[in-house]
Amino acid sequence: MISVYSQDAVCIVKFLSTCWQVVERQSKKVFHSEAFFEISKDTLCRLLRMERLSVHEIDVFRACLHWAERRASLLNLALTPANKRQVGCRITV
């Protein structure tokens, strides 16, 4: 017998998968939206690890730079390159 919790978990996993598929297809809108600057560091890192995005790399770079500037400002950090790197995420290829 499948419990209600495991059914809920399956629904949540399917929902999140659908959300990430939409982000993949609509990534240009994601990176250009005001809501992008409200995402968490973990979400940003996951977004940057996606295999496919439908946006130019320069747009991703600019959006991430702006995200880091906003995050540093919220933490009352000077907008230095080191502080922007500190608040951002490291992605290794």
PDB file of N, CA and C in Angstrom:
ATOM      1  N   MET A   1       0.845  -1.179   0.000  1.00  0.00           N
ATOM      2  CA  MET A   1       0.000   0.000   0.000  1.00  0.00           C
ATOM      3  C   MET A   1       0.892   1.245   0.000  1.00  0.00           C
ATOM      4  N   ILE A   2       0.590   2.191  -0.876  1.00  0.00           N
ATOM      5  CA  ILE A   2       1.352   3.440  -0.970  1.00  0.00           C
ATOM      6  C   ILE A   2       0.730   4.450  -0.025  1.00  0.00           C
ATOM      7  N   SER A   3       1.573   5.035   0.792  1.00  0.00           N
ATOM      8  CA  SER A   3       1.066   6.019   1.736  1.00  0.00           C
ATOM      9  C   SER A   3       0.788   7.340   1.036  1.00  0.00           C
ATOM     10  N   VAL A   4       0.015   8.180   1.708  1.00  0.00           N
ATOM     11  CA  VAL A   4      -0.299   9.506   1.195  1.00  0.00           C
ATOM     12  C   VAL A   4       0.986  10.315   1.038  1.00  0.00           C
ATOM     13  N   TYR A   5       1.917  10.131   1.976  1.00  0.00           N
ATOM     14  CA  TYR A   5       3.170  10.888   1.913  1.00  0.00           C
ATOM     15  C   TYR A   5       3.986  10.527   0.681  1.00  0.00           C
ATOM     16  N   SER A   6       4.059   9.231   0.337  1.00  0.00           N
ATOM     17  CA  SER A   6       4.829   8.871  -0.840  1.00  0.00           C
ATOM     18  C   SER A   6       4.128   9.325  -2.112  1.00  0.00           C
ATOM     19  N   GLN A   7       2.814   9.350  -2.122  1.00  0.00           N
ATOM     20  CA  GLN A   7       2.087   9.883  -3.270  1.00  0.00           C
ATOM     21  C   GLN A   7       2.361  11.382  -3.401  1.00  0.00           C
ATOM     22  N   ASP A   8       2.372  12.084  -2.270  1.00  0.00           N
ATOM     23  CA  ASP A   8       2.680  13.515  -2.287  1.00  0.00           C
ATOM     24  C   ASP A   8       4.098  13.750  -2.781  1.00  0.00           C
ATOM     25  N   ALA A   9       5.023  12.918  -2.345  1.00  0.00           N
ATOM     26  CA  ALA A   9       6.420  13.059  -2.764  1.00  0.00           C
ATOM     27  C   ALA A   9       6.547  12.874  -4.268  1.00  0.00           C
ATOM     28  N   VAL A  10       5.852  11.905  -4.817  1.00  0.00           N
ATOM     29  CA  VAL A  10       5.891  11.670  -6.264  1.00  0.00           C
ATOM     30  C   VAL A  10       5.327  12.872  -7.001  1.00  0.00           C
ATOM     31  N   CYS A  11       4.236  13.421  -6.500  1.00  0.00           N
ATOM     32  CA  CYS A  11       3.633  14.607  -7.118  1.00  0.00           C
ATOM     33  C   CYS A  11       4.587  15.800  -7.063  1.00  0.00           C
ATOM     34  N   ILE A  12       5.264  15.976  -5.958  1.00  0.00           N
ATOM     35  CA  ILE A  12       6.206  17.085  -5.809  1.00  0.00           C
ATOM     36  C   ILE A  12       7.372  16.932  -6.780  1.00  0.00           C
ATOM     37  N   VAL A  13       7.892  15.722  -6.890  1.00  0.00           N
ATOM     38  CA  VAL A  13       9.005  15.468  -7.816  1.00  0.00           C
ATOM     39  C   VAL A  13       8.569  15.751  -9.252  1.00  0.00           C
ATOM     40  N   LYS A  14       7.374  15.293  -9.631  1.00  0.00           N
ATOM     41  CA  LYS A  14       6.867  15.544 -10.985  1.00  0.00           C
ATOM     42  C   LYS A  14       6.662  17.034 -11.214  1.00  0.00           C
ATOM     43  N   PHE A  15       6.129  17.727 -10.222  1.00  0.00           N
ATOM     44  CA  PHE A  15       5.902  19.169 -10.325  1.00  0.00           C
ATOM     45  C   PHE A  15       7.221  19.912 -10.511  1.00  0.00           C
ATOM     46  N   LEU A  16       8.218  19.584  -9.692  1.00  0.00           N
ATOM     47  CA  LEU A  16       9.521  20.246  -9.803  1.00  0.00           C
ATOM     48  C   LEU A  16      10.169  19.960 -11.151  1.00  0.00           C
ATOM     49  N   SER A  17      10.036  18.745 -11.628  1.00  0.00           N
ATOM     50  CA  SER A  17      10.587  18.396 -12.933  1.00  0.00           C
ATOM     51  C   SER A  17       9.940  19.243 -14.030  1.00  0.00           C
ATOM     52  N   THR A  18       8.652  19.408 -13.954  1.00  0.00           N
ATOM     53  CA  THR A  18       7.933  20.242 -14.923  1.00  0.00           C
ATOM     54  C   THR A  18       8.389  21.691 -14.832  1.00  0.00           C
ATOM     55  N   CYS A  19       8.575  22.184 -13.621  1.00  0.00           N
ATOM     56  CA  CYS A  19       9.040  23.563 -13.429  1.00  0.00           C
ATOM     57  C   CYS A  19      10.408  23.763 -14.082  1.00  0.00           C
ATOM     58  N   TRP A  20      11.325  22.830 -13.862  1.00  0.00           N
ATOM     59  CA  TRP A  20      12.658  22.956 -14.445  1.00  0.00           C
ATOM     60  C   TRP A  20      12.609  22.850 -15.968  1.00  0.00           C
ATOM     61  N   GLN A  21      11.685  22.080 -16.508  1.00  0.00           N
ATOM     62  CA  GLN A  21      11.530  22.003 -17.964  1.00  0.00           C
ATOM     63  C   GLN A  21      11.065  23.346 -18.529  1.00  0.00           C
ATOM     64  N   VAL A  22      10.162  23.999 -17.818  1.00  0.00           N
ATOM     65  CA  VAL A  22       9.700  25.326 -18.240  1.00  0.00           C
ATOM     66  C   VAL A  22      10.851  26.328 -18.174  1.00  0.00           C
ATOM     67  N   VAL A  23      11.632  26.269 -17.109  1.00  0.00           N
ATOM     68  CA  VAL A  23      12.794  27.157 -16.978  1.00  0.00           C
ATOM     69  C   VAL A  23      13.756  26.921 -18.143  1.00  0.00           C
ATOM     70  N   GLU A  24      13.971  25.678 -18.499  1.00  0.00           N
ATOM     71  CA  GLU A  24      14.864  25.357 -19.614  1.00  0.00           C
ATOM     72  C   GLU A  24      14.361  25.976 -20.917  1.00  0.00           C
ATOM     73  N   ARG A  25      13.065  25.860 -21.170  1.00  0.00           N
ATOM     74  CA  ARG A  25      12.489  26.375 -22.414  1.00  0.00           C
ATOM     75  C   ARG A  25      12.352  27.891 -22.410  1.00  0.00           C
ATOM     76  N   GLN A  26      12.147  28.464 -21.234  1.00  0.00           N
ATOM     77  CA  GLN A  26      11.897  29.902 -21.115  1.00  0.00           C
ATOM     78  C   GLN A  26      13.042  30.617 -20.395  1.00  0.00           C
ATOM     79  N   SER A  27      14.245  30.091 -20.497  1.00  0.00           N
ATOM     80  CA  SER A  27      15.350  30.622 -19.691  1.00  0.00           C
ATOM     81  C   SER A  27      15.687  32.076 -20.010  1.00  0.00           C
ATOM     82  N   LYS A  28      15.474  32.515 -21.235  1.00  0.00           N
ATOM     83  CA  LYS A  28      15.726  33.928 -21.541  1.00  0.00           C
ATOM     84  C   LYS A  28      14.836  34.811 -20.676  1.00  0.00           C
ATOM     85  N   LYS A  29      13.582  34.440 -20.563  1.00  0.00           N
ATOM     86  CA  LYS A  29      12.655  35.210 -19.722  1.00  0.00           C
ATOM     87  C   LYS A  29      13.063  35.137 -18.248  1.00  0.00           C
ATOM     88  N   VAL A  30      13.534  33.984 -17.835  1.00  0.00           N
ATOM     89  CA  VAL A  30      13.958  33.802 -16.440  1.00  0.00           C
ATOM     90  C   VAL A  30      15.105  34.755 -16.114  1.00  0.00           C
ATOM     91  N   PHE A  31      16.137  34.759 -16.948  1.00  0.00           N
ATOM     92  CA  PHE A  31      17.314  35.575 -16.677  1.00  0.00           C
ATOM     93  C   PHE A  31      17.050  37.073 -16.828  1.00  0.00           C
ATOM     94  N   HIS A  32      15.992  37.429 -17.548  1.00  0.00           N
ATOM     95  CA  HIS A  32      15.665  38.842 -17.736  1.00  0.00           C
ATOM     96  C   HIS A  32      14.547  39.317 -16.807  1.00  0.00           C
ATOM     97  N   SER A  33      14.063  38.446 -15.953  1.00  0.00           N
ATOM     98  CA  SER A  33      12.959  38.828 -15.070  1.00  0.00           C
ATOM     99  C   SER A  33      13.471  39.441 -13.770  1.00  0.00           C
ATOM    100  N   GLU A  34      12.659  40.265 -13.185  1.00  0.00           N
ATOM    101  CA  GLU A  34      12.991  40.850 -11.885  1.00  0.00           C
ATOM    102  C   GLU A  34      13.017  39.768 -10.812  1.00  0.00           C
ATOM    103  N   ALA A  35      12.192  38.746 -10.960  1.00  0.00           N
ATOM    104  CA  ALA A  35      12.130  37.655  -9.977  1.00  0.00           C
ATOM    105  C   ALA A  35      13.442  36.868  -9.910  1.00  0.00           C
ATOM    106  N   PHE A  36      14.230  36.883 -10.989  1.00  0.00           N
ATOM    107  CA  PHE A  36      15.509  36.181 -10.998  1.00  0.00           C
ATOM    108  C   PHE A  36      16.386  36.646  -9.843  1.00  0.00           C
ATOM    109  N   PHE A  37      16.324  37.916  -9.518  1.00  0.00           N
ATOM    110  CA  PHE A  37      17.201  38.481  -8.499  1.00  0.00           C
ATOM    111  C   PHE A  37      16.771  38.123  -7.076  1.00  0.00           C
ATOM    112  N   GLU A  38      15.654  37.443  -6.955  1.00  0.00           N
ATOM    113  CA  GLU A  38      15.155  37.010  -5.653  1.00  0.00           C
ATOM    114  C   GLU A  38      15.459  35.548  -5.369  1.00  0.00           C
ATOM    115  N   ILE A  39      16.007  34.832  -6.337  1.00  0.00           N
ATOM    116  CA  ILE A  39      16.246  33.407  -6.117  1.00  0.00           C
ATOM    117  C   ILE A  39      17.411  33.206  -5.146  1.00  0.00           C
ATOM    118  N   SER A  40      17.405  32.066  -4.499  1.00  0.00           N
ATOM    119  CA  SER A  40      18.471  31.741  -3.547  1.00  0.00           C
ATOM    120  C   SER A  40      19.750  31.368  -4.280  1.00  0.00           C
ATOM    121  N   LYS A  41      20.828  31.369  -3.541  1.00  0.00           N
ATOM    122  CA  LYS A  41      22.115  30.954  -4.091  1.00  0.00           C
ATOM    123  C   LYS A  41      22.043  29.510  -4.580  1.00  0.00           C
ATOM    124  N   ASP A  42      21.399  28.640  -3.813  1.00  0.00           N
ATOM    125  CA  ASP A  42      21.263  27.230  -4.216  1.00  0.00           C
ATOM    126  C   ASP A  42      20.503  27.091  -5.530  1.00  0.00           C
ATOM    127  N   THR A  43      19.431  27.878  -5.676  1.00  0.00           N
ATOM    128  CA  THR A  43      18.645  27.833  -6.908  1.00  0.00           C
ATOM    129  C   THR A  43      19.464  28.363  -8.076  1.00  0.00           C
ATOM    130  N   LEU A  44      20.216  29.436  -7.847  1.00  0.00           N
ATOM    131  CA  LEU A  44      21.079  29.976  -8.894  1.00  0.00           C
ATOM    132  C   LEU A  44      22.090  28.921  -9.337  1.00  0.00           C
ATOM    133  N   CYS A  45      22.722  28.272  -8.392  1.00  0.00           N
ATOM    134  CA  CYS A  45      23.713  27.243  -8.730  1.00  0.00           C
ATOM    135  C   CYS A  45      23.081  26.104  -9.519  1.00  0.00           C
ATOM    136  N   ARG A  46      21.897  25.686  -9.103  1.00  0.00           N
ATOM    137  CA  ARG A  46      21.219  24.600  -9.834  1.00  0.00           C
ATOM    138  C   ARG A  46      20.867  25.045 -11.251  1.00  0.00           C
ATOM    139  N   LEU A  47      20.417  26.265 -11.373  1.00  0.00           N
ATOM    140  CA  LEU A  47      20.075  26.813 -12.683  1.00  0.00           C
ATOM    141  C   LEU A  47      21.304  26.840 -13.595  1.00  0.00           C
ATOM    142  N   LEU A  48      22.434  27.238 -13.057  1.00  0.00           N
ATOM    143  CA  LEU A  48      23.660  27.318 -13.855  1.00  0.00           C
ATOM    144  C   LEU A  48      24.225  25.947 -14.221  1.00  0.00           C
ATOM    145  N   ARG A  49      23.825  24.925 -13.496  1.00  0.00           N
ATOM    146  CA  ARG A  49      24.283  23.560 -13.806  1.00  0.00           C
ATOM    147  C   ARG A  49      23.416  22.865 -14.857  1.00  0.00           C
ATOM    148  N   MET A  50      22.344  23.508 -15.270  1.00  0.00           N
ATOM    149  CA  MET A  50      21.447  22.885 -16.246  1.00  0.00           C
ATOM    150  C   MET A  50      22.191  22.633 -17.557  1.00  0.00           C
ATOM    151  N   GLU A  51      21.868  21.525 -18.181  1.00  0.00           N
ATOM    152  CA  GLU A  51      22.515  21.136 -19.435  1.00  0.00           C
ATOM    153  C   GLU A  51      22.180  22.096 -20.575  1.00  0.00           C
ATOM    154  N   ARG A  52      20.926  22.493 -20.646  1.00  0.00           N
ATOM    155  CA  ARG A  52      20.484  23.342 -21.748  1.00  0.00           C
ATOM    156  C   ARG A  52      19.737  24.550 -21.225  1.00  0.00           C
ATOM    157  N   LEU A  53      20.068  25.694 -21.770  1.00  0.00           N
ATOM    158  CA  LEU A  53      19.343  26.923 -21.484  1.00  0.00           C
ATOM    159  C   LEU A  53      19.103  27.619 -22.819  1.00  0.00           C
ATOM    160  N   SER A  54      17.961  28.229 -22.965  1.00  0.00           N
ATOM    161  CA  SER A  54      17.650  28.907 -24.230  1.00  0.00           C
ATOM    162  C   SER A  54      17.928  30.408 -24.092  1.00  0.00           C
ATOM    163  N   VAL A  55      19.198  30.717 -23.830  1.00  0.00           N
ATOM    164  CA  VAL A  55      19.622  32.105 -23.654  1.00  0.00           C
ATOM    165  C   VAL A  55      21.109  32.179 -23.986  1.00  0.00           C
ATOM    166  N   HIS A  56      21.556  33.330 -24.436  1.00  0.00           N
ATOM    167  CA  HIS A  56      22.978  33.513 -24.749  1.00  0.00           C
ATOM    168  C   HIS A  56      23.799  33.565 -23.464  1.00  0.00           C
ATOM    169  N   GLU A  57      25.026  33.053 -23.552  1.00  0.00           N
ATOM    170  CA  GLU A  57      25.905  33.032 -22.378  1.00  0.00           C
ATOM    171  C   GLU A  57      26.153  34.421 -21.809  1.00  0.00           C
ATOM    172  N   ILE A  58      26.269  35.424 -22.665  1.00  0.00           N
ATOM    173  CA  ILE A  58      26.522  36.775 -22.172  1.00  0.00           C
ATOM    174  C   ILE A  58      25.353  37.276 -21.333  1.00  0.00           C
ATOM    175  N   ASP A  59      24.140  36.882 -21.679  1.00  0.00           N
ATOM    176  CA  ASP A  59      22.964  37.263 -20.887  1.00  0.00           C
ATOM    177  C   ASP A  59      22.992  36.586 -19.524  1.00  0.00           C
ATOM    178  N   VAL A  60      23.438  35.330 -19.495  1.00  0.00           N
ATOM    179  CA  VAL A  60      23.575  34.601 -18.230  1.00  0.00           C
ATOM    180  C   VAL A  60      24.631  35.290 -17.368  1.00  0.00           C
ATOM    181  N   PHE A  61      25.767  35.608 -17.975  1.00  0.00           N
ATOM    182  CA  PHE A  61      26.850  36.272 -17.247  1.00  0.00           C
ATOM    183  C   PHE A  61      26.376  37.592 -16.647  1.00  0.00           C
ATOM    184  N   ARG A  62      25.734  38.419 -17.448  1.00  0.00           N
ATOM    185  CA  ARG A  62      25.270  39.730 -16.972  1.00  0.00           C
ATOM    186  C   ARG A  62      24.237  39.588 -15.855  1.00  0.00           C
ATOM    187  N   ALA A  63      23.321  38.658 -16.019  1.00  0.00           N
ATOM    188  CA  ALA A  63      22.298  38.452 -14.993  1.00  0.00           C
ATOM    189  C   ALA A  63      22.928  37.972 -13.687  1.00  0.00           C
ATOM    190  N   CYS A  64      23.895  37.067 -13.787  1.00  0.00           N
ATOM    191  CA  CYS A  64      24.560  36.562 -12.580  1.00  0.00           C
ATOM    192  C   CYS A  64      25.384  37.647 -11.904  1.00  0.00           C
ATOM    193  N   LEU A  65      26.025  38.486 -12.690  1.00  0.00           N
ATOM    194  CA  LEU A  65      26.786  39.597 -12.131  1.00  0.00           C
ATOM    195  C   LEU A  65      25.851  40.549 -11.389  1.00  0.00           C
ATOM    196  N   HIS A  66      24.730  40.859 -12.011  1.00  0.00           N
ATOM    197  CA  HIS A  66      23.747  41.738 -11.375  1.00  0.00           C
ATOM    198  C   HIS A  66      23.166  41.083 -10.117  1.00  0.00           C
ATOM    199  N   TRP A  67      22.914  39.776 -10.179  1.00  0.00           N
ATOM    200  CA  TRP A  67      22.414  39.038  -9.010  1.00  0.00           C
ATOM    201  C   TRP A  67      23.416  39.151  -7.853  1.00  0.00           C
ATOM    202  N   ALA A  68      24.707  38.950  -8.160  1.00  0.00           N
ATOM    203  CA  ALA A  68      25.753  39.027  -7.130  1.00  0.00           C
ATOM    204  C   ALA A  68      25.860  40.434  -6.553  1.00  0.00           C
ATOM    205  N   GLU A  69      25.712  41.447  -7.396  1.00  0.00           N
ATOM    206  CA  GLU A  69      25.756  42.830  -6.910  1.00  0.00           C
ATOM    207  C   GLU A  69      24.607  43.102  -5.945  1.00  0.00           C
ATOM    208  N   ARG A  70      23.430  42.649  -6.314  1.00  0.00           N
ATOM    209  CA  ARG A  70      22.273  42.840  -5.425  1.00  0.00           C
ATOM    210  C   ARG A  70      22.446  42.084  -4.115  1.00  0.00           C
ATOM    211  N   ARG A  71      22.932  40.856  -4.204  1.00  0.00           N
ATOM    212  CA  ARG A  71      23.125  40.042  -3.002  1.00  0.00           C
ATOM    213  C   ARG A  71      24.160  40.686  -2.084  1.00  0.00           C
ATOM    214  N   ALA A  72      25.257  41.171  -2.652  1.00  0.00           N
ATOM    215  CA  ALA A  72      26.297  41.828  -1.860  1.00  0.00           C
ATOM    216  C   ALA A  72      25.735  43.090  -1.197  1.00  0.00           C
ATOM    217  N   SER A  73      24.935  43.841  -1.934  1.00  0.00           N
ATOM    218  CA  SER A  73      24.319  45.055  -1.364  1.00  0.00           C
ATOM    219  C   SER A  73      23.404  44.718  -0.197  1.00  0.00           C
ATOM    220  N   LEU A  74      22.620  43.658  -0.349  1.00  0.00           N
ATOM    221  CA  LEU A  74      21.726  43.236   0.731  1.00  0.00           C
ATOM    222  C   LEU A  74      22.504  42.860   1.990  1.00  0.00           C
ATOM    223  N   LEU A  75      23.712  42.350   1.794  1.00  0.00           N
ATOM    224  CA  LEU A  75      24.561  41.948   2.922  1.00  0.00           C
ATOM    225  C   LEU A  75      25.482  43.081   3.381  1.00  0.00           C
ATOM    226  N   ASN A  76      25.238  44.278   2.833  1.00  0.00           N
ATOM    227  CA  ASN A  76      26.040  45.463   3.165  1.00  0.00           C
ATOM    228  C   ASN A  76      27.523  45.261   2.886  1.00  0.00           C
ATOM    229  N   LEU A  77      27.823  44.563   1.802  1.00  0.00           N
ATOM    230  CA  LEU A  77      29.204  44.351   1.386  1.00  0.00           C
ATOM    231  C   LEU A  77      29.538  45.344   0.273  1.00  0.00           C
ATOM    232  N   ALA A  78      30.761  45.785   0.256  1.00  0.00           N
ATOM    233  CA  ALA A  78      31.214  46.638  -0.838  1.00  0.00           C
ATOM    234  C   ALA A  78      31.130  45.845  -2.140  1.00  0.00           C
ATOM    235  N   LEU A  79      30.851  46.529  -3.235  1.00  0.00           N
ATOM    236  CA  LEU A  79      30.687  45.846  -4.517  1.00  0.00           C
ATOM    237  C   LEU A  79      32.034  45.599  -5.190  1.00  0.00           C
ATOM    238  N   THR A  80      32.868  44.851  -4.502  1.00  0.00           N
ATOM    239  CA  THR A  80      34.173  44.489  -5.044  1.00  0.00           C
ATOM    240  C   THR A  80      34.061  43.142  -5.762  1.00  0.00           C
ATOM    241  N   PRO A  81      34.960  42.868  -6.689  1.00  0.00           N
ATOM    242  CA  PRO A  81      34.936  41.552  -7.344  1.00  0.00           C
ATOM    243  C   PRO A  81      35.006  40.398  -6.337  1.00  0.00           C
ATOM    244  N   ALA A  82      35.824  40.546  -5.301  1.00  0.00           N
ATOM    245  CA  ALA A  82      35.956  39.473  -4.302  1.00  0.00           C
ATOM    246  C   ALA A  82      34.635  39.231  -3.579  1.00  0.00           C
ATOM    247  N   ASN A  83      33.931  40.284  -3.223  1.00  0.00           N
ATOM    248  CA  ASN A  83      32.651  40.127  -2.527  1.00  0.00           C
ATOM    249  C   ASN A  83      31.588  39.542  -3.447  1.00  0.00           C
ATOM    250  N   LYS A  84      31.618  39.917  -4.706  1.00  0.00           N
ATOM    251  CA  LYS A  84      30.662  39.345  -5.663  1.00  0.00           C
ATOM    252  C   LYS A  84      30.913  37.849  -5.819  1.00  0.00           C
ATOM    253  N   ARG A  85      32.185  37.455  -5.862  1.00  0.00           N
ATOM    254  CA  ARG A  85      32.502  36.013  -5.947  1.00  0.00           C
ATOM    255  C   ARG A  85      32.072  35.295  -4.675  1.00  0.00           C
ATOM    256  N   GLN A  86      32.246  35.967  -3.536  1.00  0.00           N
ATOM    257  CA  GLN A  86      31.895  35.355  -2.252  1.00  0.00           C
ATOM    258  C   GLN A  86      30.409  35.036  -2.164  1.00  0.00           C
ATOM    259  N   VAL A  87      29.548  35.932  -2.631  1.00  0.00           N
ATOM    260  CA  VAL A  87      28.107  35.700  -2.514  1.00  0.00           C
ATOM    261  C   VAL A  87      27.575  34.806  -3.619  1.00  0.00           C
ATOM    262  N   GLY A  88      28.327  34.660  -4.708  1.00  0.00           N
ATOM    263  CA  GLY A  88      27.888  33.846  -5.828  1.00  0.00           C
ATOM    264  C   GLY A  88      28.194  32.377  -5.630  1.00  0.00           C
ATOM    265  N   CYS A  89      27.967  31.609  -6.648  1.00  0.00           N
ATOM    266  CA  CYS A  89      28.259  30.173  -6.560  1.00  0.00           C
ATOM    267  C   CYS A  89      29.361  29.825  -7.539  1.00  0.00           C
ATOM    268  N   ARG A  90      30.113  28.825  -7.178  1.00  0.00           N
ATOM    269  CA  ARG A  90      31.191  28.353  -8.035  1.00  0.00           C
ATOM    270  C   ARG A  90      30.704  27.132  -8.814  1.00  0.00           C
ATOM    271  N   ILE A  91      30.835  27.242 -10.092  1.00  0.00           N
ATOM    272  CA  ILE A  91      30.448  26.136 -10.964  1.00  0.00           C
ATOM    273  C   ILE A  91      31.717  25.619 -11.633  1.00  0.00           C
ATOM    274  N   THR A  92      31.992  24.348 -11.453  1.00  0.00           N
ATOM    275  CA  THR A  92      33.161  23.756 -12.108  1.00  0.00           C
ATOM    276  C   THR A  92      32.697  22.919 -13.274  1.00  0.00           C
ATOM    277  N   VAL A  93      33.456  22.982 -14.322  1.00  0.00           N
ATOM    278  CA  VAL A  93      33.098  22.253 -15.539  1.00  0.00           C
ATOM    279  C   VAL A  93      33.928  20.997 -15.620  1.00  0.00           C
TER     280      VAL A  93
END
